Structures are given as C-alpha cells and as structure tokens.
N, C-alpha and C. Protein backbone atom coordinates (compact mmCIF):
# COMPACT_ATOMS: atom_id res chain seq x y z
N UNK A 1 77.07 83.11 87.54
CA UNK A 1 77.05 84.41 88.17
C UNK A 1 78.44 85.04 88.05
N UNK A 2 78.51 86.16 87.37
CA UNK A 2 79.77 86.84 87.12
C UNK A 2 80.05 87.85 88.22
N UNK A 3 81.28 87.80 88.74
CA UNK A 3 81.70 88.74 89.77
C UNK A 3 82.24 90.00 89.11
N UNK A 4 81.74 91.13 89.54
CA UNK A 4 82.25 92.43 89.09
C UNK A 4 83.00 93.05 90.26
N UNK A 5 84.25 93.40 90.03
CA UNK A 5 85.08 93.99 91.09
C UNK A 5 85.17 95.49 90.87
N UNK A 6 85.03 96.24 91.95
CA UNK A 6 85.11 97.70 91.88
C UNK A 6 85.63 98.22 93.21
N UNK A 7 85.92 99.53 93.22
CA UNK A 7 86.32 100.19 94.46
C UNK A 7 85.12 100.25 95.40
N UNK A 8 85.39 100.04 96.68
CA UNK A 8 84.35 100.22 97.68
C UNK A 8 84.13 101.70 97.94
N UNK A 9 82.89 102.03 98.28
CA UNK A 9 82.52 103.42 98.57
C UNK A 9 81.85 103.48 99.94
N UNK A 10 81.86 104.66 100.50
CA UNK A 10 81.28 104.84 101.84
C UNK A 10 79.83 104.35 101.90
N UNK A 11 79.09 104.54 100.82
CA UNK A 11 77.68 104.11 100.83
C UNK A 11 77.53 102.58 100.78
N UNK A 12 78.64 101.84 100.62
CA UNK A 12 78.61 100.38 100.65
C UNK A 12 78.70 99.81 102.06
N UNK A 13 78.83 100.67 103.06
CA UNK A 13 79.14 100.23 104.42
C UNK A 13 78.13 99.21 104.96
N UNK A 14 76.85 99.42 104.77
CA UNK A 14 75.86 98.46 105.31
C UNK A 14 76.00 97.10 104.66
N UNK A 15 76.19 97.05 103.36
CA UNK A 15 76.33 95.78 102.66
C UNK A 15 77.63 95.09 103.05
N UNK A 16 78.72 95.85 103.17
CA UNK A 16 80.00 95.28 103.57
C UNK A 16 79.90 94.73 104.99
N UNK A 17 79.29 95.48 105.88
CA UNK A 17 79.13 95.01 107.26
C UNK A 17 78.33 93.72 107.30
N UNK A 18 77.28 93.62 106.50
CA UNK A 18 76.45 92.42 106.49
C UNK A 18 77.25 91.20 106.02
N UNK A 19 78.05 91.35 104.96
CA UNK A 19 78.88 90.25 104.49
C UNK A 19 79.92 89.88 105.55
N UNK A 20 80.54 90.89 106.15
CA UNK A 20 81.54 90.67 107.18
C UNK A 20 80.96 89.88 108.34
N UNK A 21 79.83 90.33 108.85
CA UNK A 21 79.23 89.69 110.01
C UNK A 21 78.77 88.27 109.68
N UNK A 22 78.11 88.10 108.55
CA UNK A 22 77.61 86.78 108.15
C UNK A 22 78.75 85.78 107.97
N UNK A 23 79.85 86.23 107.38
CA UNK A 23 81.00 85.35 107.16
C UNK A 23 81.65 84.96 108.48
N UNK A 24 81.85 85.93 109.34
CA UNK A 24 82.44 85.63 110.65
C UNK A 24 81.53 84.71 111.46
N UNK A 25 80.24 84.94 111.35
CA UNK A 25 79.27 84.10 112.05
C UNK A 25 79.40 82.64 111.58
N UNK A 26 79.54 82.45 110.27
CA UNK A 26 79.65 81.10 109.72
C UNK A 26 80.90 80.38 110.21
N UNK A 27 81.99 81.11 110.40
CA UNK A 27 83.24 80.49 110.81
C UNK A 27 83.33 80.30 112.32
N UNK A 28 82.90 81.29 113.09
CA UNK A 28 83.19 81.29 114.52
C UNK A 28 82.03 80.95 115.46
N UNK A 29 80.80 80.98 114.98
CA UNK A 29 79.67 80.64 115.84
C UNK A 29 79.87 79.22 116.37
N UNK A 30 79.61 79.04 117.63
CA UNK A 30 79.75 77.75 118.32
C UNK A 30 81.21 77.30 118.46
N UNK A 31 82.16 78.12 118.04
CA UNK A 31 83.58 77.76 118.17
C UNK A 31 84.35 78.76 119.03
N UNK A 32 83.77 79.94 119.22
CA UNK A 32 84.44 80.98 119.99
C UNK A 32 83.50 81.40 121.11
N UNK A 33 84.02 81.34 122.33
CA UNK A 33 83.24 81.79 123.48
C UNK A 33 82.92 83.27 123.32
N UNK A 34 81.80 83.67 123.85
CA UNK A 34 81.39 85.08 123.80
C UNK A 34 81.11 85.55 122.37
N UNK A 35 80.67 84.63 121.48
CA UNK A 35 80.34 85.06 120.13
C UNK A 35 78.86 85.32 120.06
N UNK A 36 78.39 86.37 119.44
CA UNK A 36 79.19 87.37 118.74
C UNK A 36 80.00 88.22 119.72
N UNK A 37 81.06 88.85 119.22
CA UNK A 37 81.96 89.59 120.10
C UNK A 37 81.28 90.78 120.75
N UNK A 38 81.78 91.11 121.92
CA UNK A 38 81.30 92.31 122.60
C UNK A 38 81.75 93.52 121.79
N UNK A 39 81.01 94.57 121.86
CA UNK A 39 81.43 95.76 121.13
C UNK A 39 80.23 96.47 120.54
N UNK A 40 80.49 97.29 119.55
CA UNK A 40 79.42 98.12 119.01
C UNK A 40 78.31 97.29 118.37
N UNK A 41 77.12 97.82 118.47
CA UNK A 41 75.99 97.19 117.81
C UNK A 41 76.11 97.42 116.30
N UNK A 42 75.13 96.97 115.55
CA UNK A 42 75.23 97.08 114.09
C UNK A 42 75.47 98.51 113.62
N UNK A 43 74.76 99.53 114.12
CA UNK A 43 75.08 100.89 113.67
C UNK A 43 76.55 101.26 113.92
N UNK A 44 77.10 100.80 115.01
CA UNK A 44 78.51 101.06 115.30
C UNK A 44 79.43 100.37 114.31
N UNK A 45 79.07 99.13 113.94
CA UNK A 45 79.88 98.40 112.96
C UNK A 45 79.78 99.05 111.59
N UNK A 46 78.59 99.51 111.22
CA UNK A 46 78.41 100.20 109.94
C UNK A 46 79.23 101.48 109.93
N UNK A 47 79.23 102.22 111.02
CA UNK A 47 80.01 103.46 111.11
C UNK A 47 81.50 103.17 110.95
N UNK A 48 81.96 102.06 111.54
CA UNK A 48 83.37 101.68 111.38
C UNK A 48 83.69 101.41 109.91
N UNK A 49 82.79 100.75 109.22
CA UNK A 49 83.02 100.47 107.79
C UNK A 49 82.95 101.74 106.96
N UNK A 50 82.10 102.66 107.34
CA UNK A 50 82.06 103.95 106.61
C UNK A 50 83.42 104.64 106.72
N UNK A 51 84.01 104.59 107.90
CA UNK A 51 85.32 105.22 108.10
C UNK A 51 86.39 104.51 107.26
N UNK A 52 86.39 103.18 107.25
CA UNK A 52 87.37 102.44 106.47
C UNK A 52 87.18 102.71 104.98
N UNK A 53 85.94 102.70 104.52
CA UNK A 53 85.67 102.87 103.09
C UNK A 53 86.00 104.27 102.59
N UNK A 54 86.07 105.23 103.48
CA UNK A 54 86.40 106.60 103.08
C UNK A 54 87.85 106.96 103.39
N UNK A 55 88.61 106.04 103.96
CA UNK A 55 90.01 106.29 104.32
C UNK A 55 90.89 106.15 103.08
N UNK A 56 91.59 107.22 102.66
CA UNK A 56 92.40 107.15 101.44
C UNK A 56 93.63 106.25 101.55
N UNK A 57 94.01 105.86 102.76
CA UNK A 57 95.17 104.96 102.91
C UNK A 57 94.78 103.49 102.75
N UNK A 58 93.49 103.21 102.69
CA UNK A 58 92.99 101.84 102.57
C UNK A 58 92.37 101.64 101.19
N UNK A 59 92.85 100.63 100.48
CA UNK A 59 92.19 100.22 99.23
C UNK A 59 91.06 99.29 99.63
N UNK A 60 89.84 99.72 99.40
CA UNK A 60 88.67 98.89 99.68
C UNK A 60 88.13 98.38 98.35
N UNK A 61 87.99 97.08 98.26
CA UNK A 61 87.60 96.42 97.03
C UNK A 61 86.34 95.61 97.32
N UNK A 62 85.33 95.78 96.50
CA UNK A 62 84.11 94.98 96.67
C UNK A 62 83.87 94.16 95.42
N UNK A 63 83.22 93.02 95.62
CA UNK A 63 82.80 92.17 94.53
C UNK A 63 81.29 92.12 94.50
N UNK A 64 80.72 92.33 93.33
CA UNK A 64 79.27 92.34 93.17
C UNK A 64 78.84 91.26 92.19
N UNK A 65 77.68 90.70 92.46
CA UNK A 65 77.00 89.82 91.53
C UNK A 65 75.60 90.38 91.36
N UNK A 66 75.24 90.68 90.14
CA UNK A 66 73.93 91.27 89.85
C UNK A 66 73.66 92.51 90.70
N UNK A 67 74.70 93.34 90.90
CA UNK A 67 74.55 94.58 91.63
C UNK A 67 74.55 94.46 93.15
N UNK A 68 74.70 93.25 93.67
CA UNK A 68 74.70 93.03 95.11
C UNK A 68 76.11 92.68 95.58
N UNK A 69 76.57 93.34 96.65
CA UNK A 69 77.90 93.06 97.20
C UNK A 69 77.88 91.69 97.85
N UNK A 70 78.79 90.82 97.37
CA UNK A 70 78.86 89.45 97.89
C UNK A 70 80.20 89.17 98.56
N UNK A 71 81.14 90.11 98.43
CA UNK A 71 82.44 89.93 99.05
C UNK A 71 83.22 91.23 99.01
N UNK A 72 84.29 91.28 99.80
CA UNK A 72 85.11 92.48 99.84
C UNK A 72 86.46 92.15 100.45
N UNK A 73 87.42 93.02 100.22
CA UNK A 73 88.70 92.94 100.91
C UNK A 73 89.29 94.34 101.01
N UNK A 74 90.27 94.47 101.87
CA UNK A 74 90.94 95.75 102.07
C UNK A 74 92.45 95.54 102.09
N UNK A 75 93.17 96.57 101.65
CA UNK A 75 94.63 96.56 101.65
C UNK A 75 95.09 97.90 102.19
N UNK A 76 96.10 97.87 103.05
CA UNK A 76 96.67 99.10 103.61
C UNK A 76 98.13 98.85 103.95
N UNK A 77 98.88 99.90 104.24
CA UNK A 77 100.25 99.69 104.72
C UNK A 77 100.20 98.87 106.01
N UNK A 78 101.17 98.00 106.19
CA UNK A 78 101.20 97.15 107.38
C UNK A 78 101.26 97.98 108.64
N UNK A 79 100.55 97.52 109.65
CA UNK A 79 100.60 98.16 110.96
C UNK A 79 101.35 97.29 111.98
N UNK A 80 101.98 96.23 111.51
CA UNK A 80 102.69 95.32 112.40
C UNK A 80 103.97 95.97 112.93
N UNK A 81 104.25 95.72 114.17
CA UNK A 81 105.45 96.22 114.81
C UNK A 81 106.68 95.61 114.13
N UNK A 82 107.68 96.44 113.88
CA UNK A 82 108.92 95.96 113.30
C UNK A 82 108.87 95.72 111.80
N UNK A 83 107.79 96.17 111.15
CA UNK A 83 107.63 95.99 109.71
C UNK A 83 107.62 97.36 109.06
N UNK A 84 108.30 97.51 107.94
CA UNK A 84 108.35 98.79 107.23
C UNK A 84 107.07 98.96 106.42
N UNK A 85 106.18 99.88 106.81
CA UNK A 85 104.93 100.07 106.09
C UNK A 85 105.09 100.68 104.69
N UNK A 86 106.31 101.08 104.36
CA UNK A 86 106.57 101.58 103.01
C UNK A 86 106.71 100.43 102.01
N UNK A 87 107.11 99.27 102.50
CA UNK A 87 107.35 98.14 101.59
C UNK A 87 106.44 96.94 101.85
N UNK A 88 105.78 96.91 103.01
CA UNK A 88 104.92 95.78 103.35
C UNK A 88 103.49 96.26 103.52
N UNK A 89 102.60 95.67 102.75
CA UNK A 89 101.17 95.93 102.87
C UNK A 89 100.55 94.84 103.71
N UNK A 90 99.35 95.09 104.17
CA UNK A 90 98.60 94.03 104.83
C UNK A 90 97.18 94.02 104.29
N UNK A 91 96.59 92.85 104.30
CA UNK A 91 95.20 92.68 103.90
C UNK A 91 94.43 92.30 105.18
N UNK A 92 93.89 93.31 105.88
CA UNK A 92 93.22 93.01 107.14
C UNK A 92 91.87 92.31 106.97
N UNK A 93 91.28 92.39 105.79
CA UNK A 93 90.00 91.73 105.58
C UNK A 93 89.91 91.12 104.19
N UNK A 94 89.29 89.96 104.13
CA UNK A 94 88.85 89.33 102.88
C UNK A 94 87.70 88.42 103.27
N UNK A 95 86.52 88.78 102.86
CA UNK A 95 85.32 88.03 103.23
C UNK A 95 84.41 87.87 102.02
N UNK A 96 83.80 86.71 101.93
CA UNK A 96 82.79 86.41 100.92
C UNK A 96 81.61 85.80 101.64
N UNK A 97 80.42 86.13 101.17
CA UNK A 97 79.21 85.56 101.76
C UNK A 97 79.32 84.03 101.80
N UNK A 98 79.04 83.40 102.94
CA UNK A 98 79.26 81.95 103.07
C UNK A 98 78.50 81.09 102.05
N UNK A 99 77.33 81.51 101.63
CA UNK A 99 76.59 80.71 100.66
C UNK A 99 77.22 80.76 99.27
N UNK A 100 78.25 81.60 99.10
CA UNK A 100 78.92 81.72 97.81
C UNK A 100 80.40 81.30 97.87
N UNK A 101 80.79 80.64 98.95
CA UNK A 101 82.15 80.14 99.06
C UNK A 101 82.40 79.10 97.97
N UNK A 102 83.64 78.94 97.60
CA UNK A 102 84.11 77.93 96.64
C UNK A 102 83.63 78.19 95.21
N UNK A 103 83.43 79.45 94.87
CA UNK A 103 83.06 79.82 93.51
C UNK A 103 84.13 80.69 92.84
N UNK A 104 85.24 80.90 93.53
CA UNK A 104 86.32 81.69 92.96
C UNK A 104 86.26 83.18 93.29
N UNK A 105 85.24 83.60 94.03
CA UNK A 105 85.09 85.02 94.34
C UNK A 105 86.19 85.50 95.28
N UNK A 106 86.50 84.70 96.30
CA UNK A 106 87.57 85.06 97.22
C UNK A 106 88.91 85.16 96.51
N UNK A 107 89.18 84.21 95.63
CA UNK A 107 90.44 84.23 94.87
C UNK A 107 90.50 85.47 93.98
N UNK A 108 89.39 85.82 93.34
CA UNK A 108 89.37 87.00 92.47
C UNK A 108 89.62 88.27 93.28
N UNK A 109 89.00 88.39 94.45
CA UNK A 109 89.22 89.55 95.31
C UNK A 109 90.66 89.59 95.81
N UNK A 110 91.20 88.44 96.19
CA UNK A 110 92.58 88.37 96.66
C UNK A 110 93.55 88.76 95.54
N UNK A 111 93.31 88.28 94.35
CA UNK A 111 94.16 88.63 93.21
C UNK A 111 94.15 90.12 92.95
N UNK A 112 92.97 90.74 93.04
CA UNK A 112 92.87 92.19 92.86
C UNK A 112 93.63 92.92 93.98
N UNK A 113 93.53 92.42 95.20
CA UNK A 113 94.26 93.04 96.31
C UNK A 113 95.76 92.97 96.08
N UNK A 114 96.26 91.83 95.61
CA UNK A 114 97.68 91.68 95.35
C UNK A 114 98.12 92.62 94.22
N UNK A 115 97.31 92.74 93.19
CA UNK A 115 97.61 93.64 92.08
C UNK A 115 97.70 95.08 92.56
N UNK A 116 96.75 95.49 93.38
CA UNK A 116 96.74 96.87 93.87
C UNK A 116 97.92 97.15 94.80
N UNK A 117 98.23 96.19 95.67
CA UNK A 117 99.36 96.38 96.58
C UNK A 117 100.66 96.51 95.79
N UNK A 118 100.80 95.70 94.78
CA UNK A 118 101.99 95.77 93.92
C UNK A 118 102.05 97.11 93.19
N UNK A 119 100.92 97.56 92.68
CA UNK A 119 100.88 98.84 91.96
C UNK A 119 101.22 100.01 92.88
N UNK A 120 100.97 99.87 94.17
CA UNK A 120 101.30 100.92 95.13
C UNK A 120 102.77 100.86 95.54
N UNK A 121 103.52 99.88 95.03
CA UNK A 121 104.94 99.80 95.31
C UNK A 121 105.32 98.90 96.47
N UNK A 122 104.38 98.21 97.05
CA UNK A 122 104.71 97.29 98.14
C UNK A 122 105.45 96.08 97.58
N UNK A 123 106.35 95.51 98.36
CA UNK A 123 107.11 94.34 97.93
C UNK A 123 106.54 93.03 98.45
N UNK A 124 105.77 93.11 99.54
CA UNK A 124 105.11 91.91 100.06
C UNK A 124 103.82 92.32 100.74
N UNK A 125 102.97 91.34 100.96
CA UNK A 125 101.69 91.57 101.61
C UNK A 125 101.52 90.52 102.69
N UNK A 126 101.07 90.95 103.86
CA UNK A 126 100.84 90.03 104.97
C UNK A 126 99.37 90.06 105.36
N UNK A 127 98.99 89.06 106.12
CA UNK A 127 97.65 89.00 106.71
C UNK A 127 97.72 88.10 107.93
N UNK A 128 96.70 88.18 108.75
CA UNK A 128 96.63 87.38 109.96
C UNK A 128 95.43 86.43 109.87
N UNK A 129 95.65 85.19 110.29
CA UNK A 129 94.59 84.18 110.27
C UNK A 129 94.57 83.49 111.62
N UNK A 130 93.38 83.35 112.19
CA UNK A 130 93.27 82.58 113.43
C UNK A 130 93.64 81.13 113.16
N UNK A 131 94.41 80.55 114.05
CA UNK A 131 94.83 79.16 113.91
C UNK A 131 93.63 78.23 113.72
N UNK A 132 92.53 78.53 114.39
CA UNK A 132 91.35 77.66 114.32
C UNK A 132 90.63 77.74 112.98
N UNK A 133 90.95 78.72 112.15
CA UNK A 133 90.25 78.93 110.88
C UNK A 133 90.93 78.13 109.76
N UNK A 134 90.71 76.83 109.78
CA UNK A 134 91.34 75.94 108.81
C UNK A 134 90.93 76.29 107.38
N UNK A 135 89.69 76.70 107.18
CA UNK A 135 89.19 77.09 105.86
C UNK A 135 90.06 78.21 105.26
N UNK A 136 90.29 79.26 106.04
CA UNK A 136 91.10 80.39 105.57
C UNK A 136 92.56 79.98 105.39
N UNK A 137 93.08 79.19 106.30
CA UNK A 137 94.48 78.77 106.19
C UNK A 137 94.72 77.98 104.91
N UNK A 138 93.81 77.11 104.57
CA UNK A 138 93.93 76.35 103.31
C UNK A 138 93.84 77.27 102.10
N UNK A 139 92.90 78.19 102.16
CA UNK A 139 92.71 79.12 101.05
C UNK A 139 93.98 79.92 100.79
N UNK A 140 94.54 80.54 101.83
CA UNK A 140 95.72 81.38 101.65
C UNK A 140 96.93 80.56 101.21
N UNK A 141 97.05 79.34 101.70
CA UNK A 141 98.12 78.47 101.24
C UNK A 141 97.99 78.16 99.76
N UNK A 142 96.77 77.91 99.31
CA UNK A 142 96.53 77.61 97.89
C UNK A 142 96.82 78.82 97.00
N UNK A 143 96.61 80.02 97.53
CA UNK A 143 96.87 81.24 96.76
C UNK A 143 98.38 81.50 96.66
N UNK A 144 99.16 80.99 97.61
CA UNK A 144 100.61 81.18 97.56
C UNK A 144 101.21 81.86 98.78
N UNK A 145 100.40 82.14 99.79
CA UNK A 145 100.92 82.73 101.02
C UNK A 145 101.71 81.69 101.79
N UNK A 146 102.76 82.16 102.49
CA UNK A 146 103.58 81.30 103.34
C UNK A 146 103.31 81.65 104.80
N UNK A 147 103.13 80.64 105.58
CA UNK A 147 102.89 80.81 107.02
C UNK A 147 104.20 81.18 107.70
N UNK A 148 104.16 82.24 108.50
CA UNK A 148 105.34 82.67 109.25
C UNK A 148 105.23 82.18 110.69
N UNK A 149 106.32 82.31 111.42
CA UNK A 149 106.34 81.88 112.82
C UNK A 149 105.88 82.98 113.77
N UNK A 150 105.38 84.08 113.24
CA UNK A 150 104.93 85.21 114.05
C UNK A 150 103.48 84.97 114.45
N UNK A 151 103.20 85.09 115.74
CA UNK A 151 101.83 84.91 116.23
C UNK A 151 101.45 86.07 117.13
N UNK A 152 100.15 86.21 117.31
CA UNK A 152 99.63 87.12 118.33
C UNK A 152 98.40 86.47 118.92
N UNK A 153 98.14 86.79 120.17
CA UNK A 153 97.03 86.15 120.87
C UNK A 153 96.14 87.20 121.51
N UNK A 154 94.86 86.90 121.50
CA UNK A 154 93.85 87.72 122.17
C UNK A 154 92.97 86.75 122.94
N UNK A 155 93.16 86.73 124.25
CA UNK A 155 92.49 85.76 125.10
C UNK A 155 92.94 84.36 124.66
N UNK A 156 92.02 83.49 124.27
CA UNK A 156 92.37 82.14 123.85
C UNK A 156 92.56 82.01 122.35
N UNK A 157 92.41 83.09 121.62
CA UNK A 157 92.51 83.04 120.16
C UNK A 157 93.93 83.38 119.72
N UNK A 158 94.51 82.49 118.94
CA UNK A 158 95.87 82.69 118.43
C UNK A 158 95.80 82.90 116.92
N UNK A 159 96.44 83.96 116.45
CA UNK A 159 96.50 84.24 115.02
C UNK A 159 97.95 84.11 114.56
N UNK A 160 98.11 83.67 113.33
CA UNK A 160 99.43 83.54 112.73
C UNK A 160 99.50 84.42 111.49
N UNK A 161 100.68 84.99 111.28
CA UNK A 161 100.86 85.86 110.11
C UNK A 161 101.27 85.02 108.90
N UNK A 162 100.71 85.41 107.75
CA UNK A 162 101.04 84.82 106.46
C UNK A 162 101.58 85.94 105.57
N UNK A 163 102.45 85.57 104.62
CA UNK A 163 103.08 86.57 103.75
C UNK A 163 103.18 86.02 102.33
N UNK A 164 103.09 86.95 101.38
CA UNK A 164 103.32 86.62 99.97
C UNK A 164 104.16 87.74 99.36
N UNK A 165 105.12 87.35 98.53
CA UNK A 165 105.94 88.33 97.82
C UNK A 165 105.14 88.89 96.65
N UNK A 166 105.34 90.17 96.37
CA UNK A 166 104.67 90.83 95.25
C UNK A 166 105.67 91.07 94.14
N UNK A 167 105.18 91.20 92.93
CA UNK A 167 106.07 91.44 91.79
C UNK A 167 106.37 92.89 91.62
C-alpha cells in the first residue's frame, strides 16, 4: 500500500477527525480517566478540523492510501511561551490510523512536516508528547527529536516538549 502525501483541505475534516479520534482512542482508552475527553461532540470536532484545515498559518498534510486518508499532521509557528515563532515551528498533531502503525506512514508524514517547516524558514521544530505515551516517545526519538526538560501539566497528564533542528 503506497502512501500519497498531499495538502489537507477543508473537505477532509471528517476523515481527519476520524483518524484523530481513533488514534487517540487506541493510545488513551483505559489509561486516562474521563476518556473520551469532555468537550464538543463529533460535529464540534469536525468543525474544529475545518477551521484548522482552512487556516493559512497551518500546514495541514494528509496521507492517503487508495484515496482514503489514513494519517495526517500539522505544522504552525510555535505558540509556546518564550519561544520565537519566527524561527521555531511546532507540530501539534501527527496521527496515523492504529491498524496501520509501523508501516512507515508516520515517518513519511513527519519527514514532510520537517521539510515544509524548513522551507518556511524555521530553524527548529518542537512538539509535545504525554509522558505516558511511550509509543510516541520512542517514535520521535527514532526520528531524531531530543527530549527537553520543559513540561506542562493538565490535571494528572504531564507532557514533555521535544525538539529537532532543521536544515
């Protein structure tokens, strides 16, 4: 199955939301209290993705197999406090359908995100990973991200920032 990478479009919102939800469900179900999270129902989540996919400051990248979206990622200027958004990008999302993990799709999407961030003139790219998400932590380490000592917490969930230098 060959992955085709392209720009995400507003009309991809339902498919992107489905991959996002399914992936998060696979990682956090039975591990996080109050899962699924409180908040908007599916139409609300789809509307949020429509906004992200149409936002010109966000590079939205989708991966398709046989015309079906199986993964996606996004890149934008960093929103972290004390970080220069002119030189530091962040990748707030990178998700692949769980039944397709370990096929290189996540790495291909991540590589495209790094290429785009570099082309936009960013010098480094950061992302946040929950400490409990060992799968993601291993993946980002293998790609070349370095774990920083910066953390943030939301209730009992602790996330750590990772960074990679861009060319």
